[in-house]
Amino acid sequence: MKRIAALGLALMTLSFGGPASAVPAPPPQLTPGPQVYSGYGAAAPSFTTITAHWTHPEVICPPAISGVLGGVTNTIVTGSSMLKIPGLLAIPEAAINTLVIPHMGAWIGMVGTNESNQRTLIQTGTGALCVDGVAHHTAFFAAPSFGDQSGLPVPDPGTPGTTWDDPPIYPGDDLTATITWDGQSTYRLTLADTTQGWNYGATYHSPVTPTGALAVVEAIPYNVPGFSPVTFTDVAADGKPLDTYDVRPLAIDGPRINPTPLTGTSFTVPSP
């Protein structure tokens, strides 16, 4: 369960960000195909922190067979775009699980590119995975690389892991997430459930300079479970509202899920 959840929520990658420069990074996209994110991404020569609040949504799972049909539809409509993402073919079961198991996640992330032009996404958030028509709610820390998909932050002592459902996460819980970069090679990730009263952290080491900052909901096109609207508030990068940067709106395809306009530090991803 936890392995599949980690695959479903953390194996997605994006081509957002690039070498540190004054040139805005290109918008996130699959290669090729529709988007898997709804929310906003900001570009800058570098970021040192991103933070946001949101409420974990209710998730309505379809019957199990619908996940298989959704995965087939995704493959047909997008030209198997999921399978063309570098790294996924090295883990065939990951690609299959990601395609056929409906899931969604709400998270913040930083994206950067190293000298070998390999992109890394550092992310933390919450999600829900549909198993036999039932939603299983999780929280996670992850750092998948566009190349090998293998990044794992190191949890602090007492943190239950990089993906966990105990202590629990429930619909309606209020979450606060923060990612910071020390300007060299250390990332700190923290996630707090203020409703349940837990607060956990992890550390990740990478030479990548973050040039992208995101706050998004994630789901696989044509295999999106039902979920209640997710409102992100207090979304800030380097202490400034996200809309003060070069910001790009992102929308999930199949069905099209467009975020509401970003107003200062807030926006909502509506129900599918």
C-alpha atoms as a PDB file:
ATOM      1  CA  MET A   1       0.000   0.000   0.000  1.00  0.00           C
ATOM      2  CA  LYS A   2       2.582   2.565   1.054  1.00  0.00           C
ATOM      3  CA  ARG A   3       4.854   1.690  -1.879  1.00  0.00           C
ATOM      4  CA  ILE A   4       2.010   2.113  -4.364  1.00  0.00           C
ATOM      5  CA  ALA A   5       0.985   5.378  -2.728  1.00  0.00           C
ATOM      6  CA  ALA A   6       4.509   6.705  -3.028  1.00  0.00           C
ATOM      7  CA  LEU A   7       4.631   5.700  -6.668  1.00  0.00           C
ATOM      8  CA  GLY A   8       1.281   7.227  -7.423  1.00  0.00           C
ATOM      9  CA  LEU A   9       2.062  10.556  -5.788  1.00  0.00           C
ATOM     10  CA  ALA A  10       5.787  10.962  -6.194  1.00  0.00           C
ATOM     11  CA  LEU A  11       6.735   9.442  -9.549  1.00  0.00           C
ATOM     12  CA  MET A  12       5.190  12.256 -11.571  1.00  0.00           C
ATOM     13  CA  THR A  13       7.801  14.622 -12.989  1.00  0.00           C
ATOM     14  CA  LEU A  14       7.656  17.882 -14.852  1.00  0.00           C
ATOM     15  CA  SER A  15       9.880  19.924 -17.100  1.00  0.00           C
ATOM     16  CA  PHE A  16       9.527  23.070 -15.035  1.00  0.00           C
ATOM     17  CA  GLY A  17      12.656  25.004 -14.211  1.00  0.00           C
ATOM     18  CA  GLY A  18      16.131  25.054 -15.645  1.00  0.00           C
ATOM     19  CA  PRO A  19      19.616  26.388 -14.978  1.00  0.00           C
ATOM     20  CA  ALA A  20      19.620  29.457 -12.771  1.00  0.00           C
ATOM     21  CA  SER A  21      19.271  32.489 -15.030  1.00  0.00           C
ATOM     22  CA  ALA A  22      17.090  35.504 -15.609  1.00  0.00           C
ATOM     23  CA  VAL A  23      15.241  33.656 -18.374  1.00  0.00           C
ATOM     24  CA  PRO A  24      11.860  32.354 -17.158  1.00  0.00           C
ATOM     25  CA  ALA A  25      11.577  28.582 -17.076  1.00  0.00           C
ATOM     26  CA  PRO A  26       9.224  26.860 -19.523  1.00  0.00           C
ATOM     27  CA  PRO A  27       5.838  25.782 -18.184  1.00  0.00           C
ATOM     28  CA  PRO A  28       5.479  22.298 -16.693  1.00  0.00           C
ATOM     29  CA  GLN A  29       4.424  19.626 -19.152  1.00  0.00           C
ATOM     30  CA  LEU A  30       4.476  15.906 -19.720  1.00  0.00           C
ATOM     31  CA  THR A  31       6.511  14.618 -22.641  1.00  0.00           C
ATOM     32  CA  PRO A  32       4.278  14.618 -24.632  1.00  0.00           C
ATOM     33  CA  GLY A  33       0.678  14.914 -23.547  1.00  0.00           C
ATOM     34  CA  PRO A  34      -1.731  16.530 -21.116  1.00  0.00           C
ATOM     35  CA  GLN A  35      -1.007  18.022 -17.750  1.00  0.00           C
ATOM     36  CA  VAL A  36      -1.319  16.168 -14.470  1.00  0.00           C
ATOM     37  CA  TYR A  37      -1.278  19.303 -12.301  1.00  0.00           C
ATOM     38  CA  SER A  38      -3.845  21.983 -11.518  1.00  0.00           C
ATOM     39  CA  GLY A  39      -2.539  25.030  -9.702  1.00  0.00           C
ATOM     40  CA  TYR A  40       0.307  27.469 -10.180  1.00  0.00           C
ATOM     41  CA  GLY A  41       4.035  27.371 -10.805  1.00  0.00           C
ATOM     42  CA  ALA A  42       6.373  30.348 -10.436  1.00  0.00           C
ATOM     43  CA  ALA A  43       9.755  30.874 -12.091  1.00  0.00           C
ATOM     44  CA  ALA A  44      12.777  32.827 -10.845  1.00  0.00           C
ATOM     45  CA  PRO A  45      16.582  32.541 -11.011  1.00  0.00           C
ATOM     46  CA  SER A  46      16.321  30.775  -7.634  1.00  0.00           C
ATOM     47  CA  PHE A  47      14.041  30.256  -4.646  1.00  0.00           C
ATOM     48  CA  THR A  48      14.959  29.657  -1.013  1.00  0.00           C
ATOM     49  CA  THR A  49      11.532  28.775   0.357  1.00  0.00           C
ATOM     50  CA  ILE A  50       7.942  27.980  -0.538  1.00  0.00           C
ATOM     51  CA  THR A  51       5.084  27.527   1.881  1.00  0.00           C
ATOM     52  CA  ALA A  52       1.320  26.999   1.713  1.00  0.00           C
ATOM     53  CA  HIS A  53      -1.768  25.944   3.657  1.00  0.00           C
ATOM     54  CA  TRP A  54      -4.654  23.778   2.452  1.00  0.00           C
ATOM     55  CA  THR A  55      -7.398  21.494   3.730  1.00  0.00           C
ATOM     56  CA  HIS A  56      -7.204  17.820   2.813  1.00  0.00           C
ATOM     57  CA  PRO A  57     -10.213  17.034   0.593  1.00  0.00           C
ATOM     58  CA  GLU A  58     -12.934  14.446   0.607  1.00  0.00           C
ATOM     59  CA  VAL A  59     -12.151  11.861  -2.083  1.00  0.00           C
ATOM     60  CA  ILE A  60     -14.757   9.762  -3.884  1.00  0.00           C
ATOM     61  CA  CYS A  61     -13.316   6.672  -5.528  1.00  0.00           C
ATOM     62  CA  PRO A  62     -14.828   5.020  -8.597  1.00  0.00           C
ATOM     63  CA  PRO A  63     -15.361   1.242  -8.793  1.00  0.00           C
ATOM     64  CA  ALA A  64     -12.084  -0.643  -9.203  1.00  0.00           C
ATOM     65  CA  ILE A  65     -12.736  -1.494 -12.866  1.00  0.00           C
ATOM     66  CA  SER A  66     -13.004   2.221 -13.648  1.00  0.00           C
ATOM     67  CA  GLY A  67      -9.335   2.680 -12.781  1.00  0.00           C
ATOM     68  CA  VAL A  68      -8.304   0.119 -15.376  1.00  0.00           C
ATOM     69  CA  LEU A  69     -10.556   1.708 -17.985  1.00  0.00           C
ATOM     70  CA  GLY A  70      -9.218   5.145 -17.089  1.00  0.00           C
ATOM     71  CA  GLY A  71      -5.648   3.946 -17.503  1.00  0.00           C
ATOM     72  CA  VAL A  72      -6.466   2.509 -20.917  1.00  0.00           C
ATOM     73  CA  THR A  73      -8.174   5.751 -21.939  1.00  0.00           C
ATOM     74  CA  ASN A  74      -5.178   7.780 -20.781  1.00  0.00           C
ATOM     75  CA  THR A  75      -2.847   5.580 -22.814  1.00  0.00           C
ATOM     76  CA  ILE A  76      -4.988   5.842 -25.951  1.00  0.00           C
ATOM     77  CA  VAL A  77      -5.826   9.544 -25.768  1.00  0.00           C
ATOM     78  CA  THR A  78      -2.380  10.769 -24.727  1.00  0.00           C
ATOM     79  CA  GLY A  79      -0.383   8.398 -26.917  1.00  0.00           C
ATOM     80  CA  SER A  80       1.050   6.565 -23.897  1.00  0.00           C
ATOM     81  CA  SER A  81       2.636   9.809 -22.728  1.00  0.00           C
ATOM     82  CA  MET A  82       2.960   8.477 -19.179  1.00  0.00           C
ATOM     83  CA  LEU A  83       5.105   5.596 -20.392  1.00  0.00           C
ATOM     84  CA  LYS A  84       7.454   7.954 -22.231  1.00  0.00           C
ATOM     85  CA  ILE A  85       8.532   9.799 -19.095  1.00  0.00           C
ATOM     86  CA  PRO A  86      12.224   8.985 -18.507  1.00  0.00           C
ATOM     87  CA  GLY A  87      12.629   6.691 -15.537  1.00  0.00           C
ATOM     88  CA  LEU A  88       9.204   5.062 -15.503  1.00  0.00           C
ATOM     89  CA  LEU A  89      10.149   2.312 -17.940  1.00  0.00           C
ATOM     90  CA  ALA A  90      12.931   1.301 -15.576  1.00  0.00           C
ATOM     91  CA  ILE A  91      10.186   0.449 -13.060  1.00  0.00           C
ATOM     92  CA  PRO A  92       7.388  -1.111 -15.156  1.00  0.00           C
ATOM     93  CA  GLU A  93       5.125  -1.806 -12.192  1.00  0.00           C
ATOM     94  CA  ALA A  94       5.332   1.877 -11.272  1.00  0.00           C
ATOM     95  CA  ALA A  95       4.010   2.955 -14.657  1.00  0.00           C
ATOM     96  CA  ILE A  96       1.172   0.422 -14.488  1.00  0.00           C
ATOM     97  CA  ASN A  97       0.201   1.358 -10.930  1.00  0.00           C
ATOM     98  CA  THR A  98       0.334   5.057 -11.745  1.00  0.00           C
ATOM     99  CA  LEU A  99      -1.921   4.614 -14.761  1.00  0.00           C
ATOM    100  CA  VAL A 100      -4.606   2.279 -13.419  1.00  0.00           C
ATOM    101  CA  ILE A 101      -4.968   3.275  -9.757  1.00  0.00           C
ATOM    102  CA  PRO A 102      -6.957   6.525  -9.409  1.00  0.00           C
ATOM    103  CA  HIS A 103      -5.233   8.901  -7.031  1.00  0.00           C
ATOM    104  CA  MET A 104      -4.847  12.583  -6.263  1.00  0.00           C
ATOM    105  CA  GLY A 105      -2.460  14.675  -4.265  1.00  0.00           C
ATOM    106  CA  ALA A 106      -2.173  18.238  -2.981  1.00  0.00           C
ATOM    107  CA  TRP A 107       1.375  19.449  -2.504  1.00  0.00           C
ATOM    108  CA  ILE A 108       4.017  22.137  -2.778  1.00  0.00           C
ATOM    109  CA  GLY A 109       7.312  21.679  -4.547  1.00  0.00           C
ATOM    110  CA  MET A 110      10.575  23.143  -5.778  1.00  0.00           C
ATOM    111  CA  VAL A 111      12.094  22.208  -9.133  1.00  0.00           C
ATOM    112  CA  GLY A 112      15.658  22.609 -10.337  1.00  0.00           C
ATOM    113  CA  THR A 113      18.142  21.345 -12.909  1.00  0.00           C
ATOM    114  CA  ASN A 114      21.696  20.151 -12.319  1.00  0.00           C
ATOM    115  CA  GLU A 115      24.724  20.548 -14.585  1.00  0.00           C
ATOM    116  CA  SER A 116      23.734  17.392 -16.471  1.00  0.00           C
ATOM    117  CA  ASN A 117      20.371  18.998 -17.280  1.00  0.00           C
ATOM    118  CA  GLN A 118      18.603  16.489 -15.037  1.00  0.00           C
ATOM    119  CA  ARG A 119      15.561  17.929 -13.295  1.00  0.00           C
ATOM    120  CA  THR A 120      14.620  17.135  -9.721  1.00  0.00           C
ATOM    121  CA  LEU A 121      11.325  17.837  -7.970  1.00  0.00           C
ATOM    122  CA  ILE A 122      11.401  18.238  -4.182  1.00  0.00           C
ATOM    123  CA  GLN A 123       7.862  17.941  -2.814  1.00  0.00           C
ATOM    124  CA  THR A 124       5.719  17.391   0.261  1.00  0.00           C
ATOM    125  CA  GLY A 125       1.984  17.122   0.727  1.00  0.00           C
ATOM    126  CA  THR A 126      -0.974  14.815   1.155  1.00  0.00           C
ATOM    127  CA  GLY A 127      -2.908  12.538  -1.130  1.00  0.00           C
ATOM    128  CA  ALA A 128      -5.453   9.791  -1.516  1.00  0.00           C
ATOM    129  CA  LEU A 129      -5.118   6.481  -3.332  1.00  0.00           C
ATOM    130  CA  CYS A 130      -8.151   4.478  -4.465  1.00  0.00           C
ATOM    131  CA  VAL A 131      -7.890   0.762  -3.662  1.00  0.00           C
ATOM    132  CA  ASP A 132     -10.928  -1.408  -4.434  1.00  0.00           C
ATOM    133  CA  GLY A 133     -13.069   1.706  -4.554  1.00  0.00           C
ATOM    134  CA  VAL A 134     -11.962   2.976  -1.136  1.00  0.00           C
ATOM    135  CA  ALA A 135      -9.840   6.092  -0.542  1.00  0.00           C
ATOM    136  CA  HIS A 136      -6.677   5.635   1.518  1.00  0.00           C
ATOM    137  CA  HIS A 137      -5.250   8.950   2.731  1.00  0.00           C
ATOM    138  CA  THR A 138      -1.513   9.520   3.018  1.00  0.00           C
ATOM    139  CA  ALA A 139       1.148  12.168   3.570  1.00  0.00           C
ATOM    140  CA  PHE A 140       4.570  12.183   1.961  1.00  0.00           C
ATOM    141  CA  PHE A 141       8.021  13.640   1.365  1.00  0.00           C
ATOM    142  CA  ALA A 142       9.593  12.932  -2.032  1.00  0.00           C
ATOM    143  CA  ALA A 143      12.280  14.102  -4.442  1.00  0.00           C
ATOM    144  CA  PRO A 144      11.881  12.243  -7.747  1.00  0.00           C
ATOM    145  CA  SER A 145      14.499  12.896 -10.411  1.00  0.00           C
ATOM    146  CA  PHE A 146      13.446  13.249 -14.030  1.00  0.00           C
ATOM    147  CA  GLY A 147      16.144  10.695 -14.820  1.00  0.00           C
ATOM    148  CA  ASP A 148      15.897   7.859 -12.309  1.00  0.00           C
ATOM    149  CA  GLN A 149      12.808   8.660 -10.197  1.00  0.00           C
ATOM    150  CA  SER A 150      14.646   7.429  -7.123  1.00  0.00           C
ATOM    151  CA  GLY A 151      14.975  10.421  -4.824  1.00  0.00           C
ATOM    152  CA  LEU A 152      14.034   9.941  -1.185  1.00  0.00           C
ATOM    153  CA  PRO A 153      14.463  12.590   1.509  1.00  0.00           C
ATOM    154  CA  VAL A 154      15.764  11.362   4.859  1.00  0.00           C
ATOM    155  CA  PRO A 155      13.041  11.593   7.536  1.00  0.00           C
ATOM    156  CA  ASP A 156      13.869  13.201  10.866  1.00  0.00           C
ATOM    157  CA  PRO A 157      14.025  10.898  13.913  1.00  0.00           C
ATOM    158  CA  GLY A 158      10.464  10.169  14.963  1.00  0.00           C
ATOM    159  CA  THR A 159       9.028  10.872  11.523  1.00  0.00           C
ATOM    160  CA  PRO A 160       7.046   7.797  10.364  1.00  0.00           C
ATOM    161  CA  GLY A 161       8.704   7.597   6.937  1.00  0.00           C
ATOM    162  CA  THR A 162       8.650   9.241   3.526  1.00  0.00           C
ATOM    163  CA  THR A 163       5.046   8.094   2.974  1.00  0.00           C
ATOM    164  CA  TRP A 164       2.670   7.360   5.837  1.00  0.00           C
ATOM    165  CA  ASP A 165      -0.937   6.890   6.873  1.00  0.00           C
ATOM    166  CA  ASP A 166      -0.229   6.472  10.587  1.00  0.00           C
ATOM    167  CA  PRO A 167      -0.659   8.904  12.253  1.00  0.00           C
ATOM    168  CA  PRO A 168      -3.689   9.392  10.070  1.00  0.00           C
ATOM    169  CA  ILE A 169      -4.739  12.106   7.662  1.00  0.00           C
ATOM    170  CA  TYR A 170      -8.464  12.725   7.343  1.00  0.00           C
ATOM    171  CA  PRO A 171     -10.595  14.807   4.981  1.00  0.00           C
ATOM    172  CA  GLY A 172     -11.034  18.230   6.537  1.00  0.00           C
ATOM    173  CA  ASP A 173      -7.599  18.269   8.185  1.00  0.00           C
ATOM    174  CA  ASP A 174      -5.699  21.562   7.915  1.00  0.00           C
ATOM    175  CA  LEU A 175      -2.168  21.225   6.525  1.00  0.00           C
ATOM    176  CA  THR A 176       0.829  23.548   6.486  1.00  0.00           C
ATOM    177  CA  ALA A 177       3.837  22.691   4.319  1.00  0.00           C
ATOM    178  CA  THR A 178       7.210  24.372   3.872  1.00  0.00           C
ATOM    179  CA  ILE A 179      10.277  23.612   1.774  1.00  0.00           C
ATOM    180  CA  THR A 180      13.494  25.588   2.246  1.00  0.00           C
ATOM    181  CA  TRP A 181      16.821  25.550   0.393  1.00  0.00           C
ATOM    182  CA  ASP A 182      20.010  26.728   2.112  1.00  0.00           C
ATOM    183  CA  GLY A 183      21.533  28.138  -1.075  1.00  0.00           C
ATOM    184  CA  GLN A 184      23.964  25.234  -1.390  1.00  0.00           C
ATOM    185  CA  SER A 185      22.841  21.617  -1.327  1.00  0.00           C
ATOM    186  CA  THR A 186      20.416  21.070   1.556  1.00  0.00           C
ATOM    187  CA  TYR A 187      16.626  21.092   1.378  1.00  0.00           C
ATOM    188  CA  ARG A 188      14.379  20.985   4.439  1.00  0.00           C
ATOM    189  CA  LEU A 189      10.814  19.732   4.113  1.00  0.00           C
ATOM    190  CA  THR A 190       8.198  20.076   6.849  1.00  0.00           C
ATOM    191  CA  LEU A 191       4.551  19.069   6.910  1.00  0.00           C
ATOM    192  CA  ALA A 192       2.166  19.756   9.786  1.00  0.00           C
ATOM    193  CA  ASP A 193      -1.393  18.555  10.313  1.00  0.00           C
ATOM    194  CA  THR A 194      -2.678  21.155  12.739  1.00  0.00           C
ATOM    195  CA  THR A 195      -5.992  19.306  13.111  1.00  0.00           C
ATOM    196  CA  GLN A 196      -4.384  16.033  14.232  1.00  0.00           C
ATOM    197  CA  GLY A 197      -1.507  17.748  16.020  1.00  0.00           C
ATOM    198  CA  TRP A 198       1.488  16.211  14.228  1.00  0.00           C
ATOM    199  CA  ASN A 199       4.452  17.953  12.623  1.00  0.00           C
ATOM    200  CA  TYR A 200       7.166  16.059  10.721  1.00  0.00           C
ATOM    201  CA  GLY A 201      10.265  16.913   8.743  1.00  0.00           C
ATOM    202  CA  ALA A 202      12.846  15.492   6.364  1.00  0.00           C
ATOM    203  CA  THR A 203      16.118  16.535   4.738  1.00  0.00           C
ATOM    204  CA  TYR A 204      17.228  16.122   1.151  1.00  0.00           C
ATOM    205  CA  HIS A 205      20.679  16.807  -0.293  1.00  0.00           C
ATOM    206  CA  SER A 206      21.091  17.840  -3.915  1.00  0.00           C
ATOM    207  CA  PRO A 207      23.294  20.286  -5.856  1.00  0.00           C
ATOM    208  CA  VAL A 208      20.226  21.383  -7.833  1.00  0.00           C
ATOM    209  CA  THR A 209      19.329  25.094  -7.700  1.00  0.00           C
ATOM    210  CA  PRO A 210      15.535  25.499  -7.475  1.00  0.00           C
ATOM    211  CA  THR A 211      14.220  27.766 -10.239  1.00  0.00           C
ATOM    212  CA  GLY A 212      10.576  26.697  -9.994  1.00  0.00           C
ATOM    213  CA  ALA A 213       8.102  26.791  -7.092  1.00  0.00           C
ATOM    214  CA  LEU A 214       4.710  25.096  -7.249  1.00  0.00           C
ATOM    215  CA  ALA A 215       1.467  24.625  -5.336  1.00  0.00           C
ATOM    216  CA  VAL A 216      -0.772  22.110  -7.104  1.00  0.00           C
ATOM    217  CA  VAL A 217      -3.296  19.319  -7.069  1.00  0.00           C
ATOM    218  CA  GLU A 218      -2.135  16.254  -9.018  1.00  0.00           C
ATOM    219  CA  ALA A 219      -4.188  13.568 -10.756  1.00  0.00           C
ATOM    220  CA  ILE A 220      -3.816  11.358 -13.820  1.00  0.00           C
ATOM    221  CA  PRO A 221      -5.816  12.528 -16.869  1.00  0.00           C
ATOM    222  CA  TYR A 222      -8.895  10.388 -17.582  1.00  0.00           C
ATOM    223  CA  ASN A 223      -8.450   8.620 -14.236  1.00  0.00           C
ATOM    224  CA  VAL A 224      -9.272  11.415 -11.794  1.00  0.00           C
ATOM    225  CA  PRO A 225     -11.153  10.411  -8.630  1.00  0.00           C
ATOM    226  CA  GLY A 226     -13.824  12.712  -7.293  1.00  0.00           C
ATOM    227  CA  PHE A 227     -12.580  15.200  -4.718  1.00  0.00           C
ATOM    228  CA  SER A 228     -13.896  18.268  -2.939  1.00  0.00           C
ATOM    229  CA  PRO A 229     -12.419  21.662  -3.885  1.00  0.00           C
ATOM    230  CA  VAL A 230      -8.906  22.282  -2.580  1.00  0.00           C
ATOM    231  CA  THR A 231      -8.165  25.864  -1.564  1.00  0.00           C
ATOM    232  CA  PHE A 232      -4.533  26.859  -1.139  1.00  0.00           C
ATOM    233  CA  THR A 233      -3.903  29.883   1.098  1.00  0.00           C
ATOM    234  CA  ASP A 234      -0.815  31.750   2.273  1.00  0.00           C
ATOM    235  CA  VAL A 235       1.075  30.500  -0.787  1.00  0.00           C
ATOM    236  CA  ALA A 236       4.370  32.371  -0.669  1.00  0.00           C
ATOM    237  CA  ALA A 237       7.867  32.028  -2.095  1.00  0.00           C
ATOM    238  CA  ASP A 238      10.777  33.702  -0.325  1.00  0.00           C
ATOM    239  CA  GLY A 239       8.232  35.440   1.885  1.00  0.00           C
ATOM    240  CA  LYS A 240       6.393  37.098  -1.015  1.00  0.00           C
ATOM    241  CA  PRO A 241       2.977  36.245  -2.474  1.00  0.00           C
ATOM    242  CA  LEU A 242       3.316  33.785  -5.324  1.00  0.00           C
ATOM    243  CA  ASP A 243       1.666  36.165  -7.778  1.00  0.00           C
ATOM    244  CA  THR A 244       4.597  38.585  -7.500  1.00  0.00           C
ATOM    245  CA  TYR A 245       6.648  36.187  -9.656  1.00  0.00           C
ATOM    246  CA  ASP A 246       6.460  35.009 -13.242  1.00  0.00           C
ATOM    247  CA  VAL A 247       3.525  32.681 -12.584  1.00  0.00           C
ATOM    248  CA  ARG A 248       2.049  30.049 -14.916  1.00  0.00           C
ATOM    249  CA  PRO A 249      -1.404  28.512 -14.386  1.00  0.00           C
ATOM    250  CA  LEU A 250      -1.560  24.736 -14.759  1.00  0.00           C
ATOM    251  CA  ALA A 251      -4.628  22.649 -15.582  1.00  0.00           C
ATOM    252  CA  ILE A 252      -5.291  18.915 -15.502  1.00  0.00           C
ATOM    253  CA  ASP A 253      -6.653  17.541 -18.776  1.00  0.00           C
ATOM    254  CA  GLY A 254      -9.356  14.891 -18.994  1.00  0.00           C
ATOM    255  CA  PRO A 255     -11.458  16.365 -17.432  1.00  0.00           C
ATOM    256  CA  ARG A 256     -10.130  19.893 -17.682  1.00  0.00           C
ATOM    257  CA  ILE A 257      -9.595  21.208 -14.155  1.00  0.00           C
ATOM    258  CA  ASN A 258      -8.593  24.866 -14.190  1.00  0.00           C
ATOM    259  CA  PRO A 259      -7.582  26.617 -10.972  1.00  0.00           C
ATOM    260  CA  THR A 260      -9.352  29.810 -10.025  1.00  0.00           C
ATOM    261  CA  PRO A 261      -7.361  33.020 -10.533  1.00  0.00           C
ATOM    262  CA  LEU A 262      -4.400  33.418  -8.201  1.00  0.00           C
ATOM    263  CA  THR A 263      -5.146  36.372  -5.944  1.00  0.00           C
ATOM    264  CA  GLY A 264      -2.107  37.266  -3.890  1.00  0.00           C
ATOM    265  CA  THR A 265      -1.519  34.057  -1.971  1.00  0.00           C
ATOM    266  CA  SER A 266      -4.741  32.134  -2.600  1.00  0.00           C
ATOM    267  CA  PHE A 267      -6.505  30.055  -5.234  1.00  0.00           C
ATOM    268  CA  THR A 268      -8.811  27.042  -5.445  1.00  0.00           C
ATOM    269  CA  VAL A 269      -8.656  23.854  -7.481  1.00  0.00           C
ATOM    270  CA  PRO A 270     -12.318  22.949  -8.083  1.00  0.00           C
ATOM    271  CA  SER A 271     -13.853  19.494  -8.017  1.00  0.00           C
ATOM    272  CA  PRO A 272     -13.515  17.524 -11.269  1.00  0.00           C
END
